Amino acid sequence: MIRVKLTPEQQKELERYRGQASSENSEKAFMVLLNQEGLSAVKIAKKLQRNPHTVRDWLKRYIKDGLSGLKRS
C-alpha cells in the first residue's frame, strides 16, 4: 500500500498548488492530500472516478519527485 507522509510545509504547498493549478493538476494534488488523510488508492479512485492504477502512479510520482512529479512532462 502506498502511503504519503507530508510535512506541514508540503501539505500547505499542495493546498496552495491545488488552488492555483489547472483542474487536472489540482486533482493530482488532491489525490496526494487524500492519501495523507489515510485514504487508499482504491478509495481515492472511487471518490474521483479514476482508475486505481492512475492514482497509484501519481502518488508514486509525488513520492519520487515532489510537486514537479505531478506535472506532465
Protein backbone atom coordinates (compact mmCIF):
# COMPACT_ATOMS: atom_id res chain seq x y z
CA MET A 1 0.00 0.00 0.00
CA ILE A 2 1.26 3.46 -0.86
CA ARG A 3 1.19 5.96 1.97
CA VAL A 4 2.38 9.53 1.51
CA LYS A 5 3.64 11.27 4.63
CA LEU A 6 3.68 15.03 4.28
CA THR A 7 5.41 17.61 6.39
CA PRO A 8 3.23 20.58 7.35
CA GLU A 9 5.12 22.63 4.73
CA GLN A 10 4.46 20.06 2.00
CA GLN A 11 0.77 19.95 2.92
CA LYS A 12 0.50 23.75 2.69
CA GLU A 13 2.37 23.68 -0.64
CA LEU A 14 -0.06 21.11 -2.07
CA GLU A 15 -3.07 23.06 -0.81
CA ARG A 16 -1.74 26.24 -2.45
CA TYR A 17 -0.96 24.32 -5.64
CA ARG A 18 -4.49 22.95 -5.67
CA GLY A 19 -5.89 26.47 -5.72
CA GLN A 20 -3.54 27.77 -8.41
CA ALA A 21 -3.10 24.80 -10.75
CA SER A 22 -5.17 23.65 -13.69
CA SER A 23 -8.04 21.37 -12.75
CA GLU A 24 -6.02 18.34 -13.93
CA ASN A 25 -3.04 19.19 -11.70
CA SER A 26 -5.32 20.25 -8.88
CA GLU A 27 -6.88 16.79 -8.89
CA LYS A 28 -3.43 15.16 -8.64
CA ALA A 29 -2.58 17.30 -5.62
CA PHE A 30 -5.96 16.36 -4.12
CA MET A 31 -5.07 12.66 -4.59
CA VAL A 32 -1.91 13.18 -2.53
CA LEU A 33 -3.77 15.10 0.17
CA LEU A 34 -6.46 12.40 0.40
CA ASN A 35 -3.79 9.73 0.71
CA GLN A 36 -2.14 11.70 3.50
CA GLU A 37 -5.52 11.65 5.28
CA GLY A 38 -5.48 7.85 5.15
CA LEU A 39 -7.48 7.03 2.03
CA SER A 40 -6.14 4.16 -0.08
CA ALA A 41 -5.57 4.48 -3.82
CA VAL A 42 -8.70 2.38 -4.39
CA LYS A 43 -10.86 4.68 -2.23
CA ILE A 44 -9.39 7.79 -3.85
CA ALA A 45 -10.05 6.29 -7.29
CA LYS A 46 -13.69 5.61 -6.39
CA LYS A 47 -14.15 9.10 -4.97
CA LEU A 48 -12.66 10.78 -8.06
CA GLN A 49 -13.93 8.24 -10.59
CA ARG A 50 -10.43 7.32 -11.73
CA ASN A 51 -8.60 4.04 -12.20
CA PRO A 52 -6.71 2.91 -9.06
CA HIS A 53 -3.60 2.34 -11.20
CA THR A 54 -3.70 6.01 -12.23
CA VAL A 55 -3.96 7.15 -8.62
CA ARG A 56 -1.06 4.89 -7.58
CA ASP A 57 1.03 6.24 -10.45
CA TRP A 58 0.54 9.86 -9.38
CA LEU A 59 1.21 9.05 -5.73
CA LYS A 60 4.47 7.32 -6.69
CA ARG A 61 5.46 10.27 -8.86
CA TYR A 62 4.83 12.64 -5.95
CA ILE A 63 6.88 10.49 -3.58
CA LYS A 64 9.76 10.37 -6.08
CA ASP A 65 9.75 13.95 -7.42
CA GLY A 66 7.56 16.05 -5.17
CA LEU A 67 5.32 18.68 -6.71
CA SER A 68 7.19 18.56 -10.02
CA GLY A 69 6.18 14.90 -10.31
CA LEU A 70 2.54 15.94 -10.61
CA LYS A 71 3.18 17.91 -13.81
CA ARG A 72 3.15 16.25 -17.18
CA SER A 73 6.50 16.46 -18.91
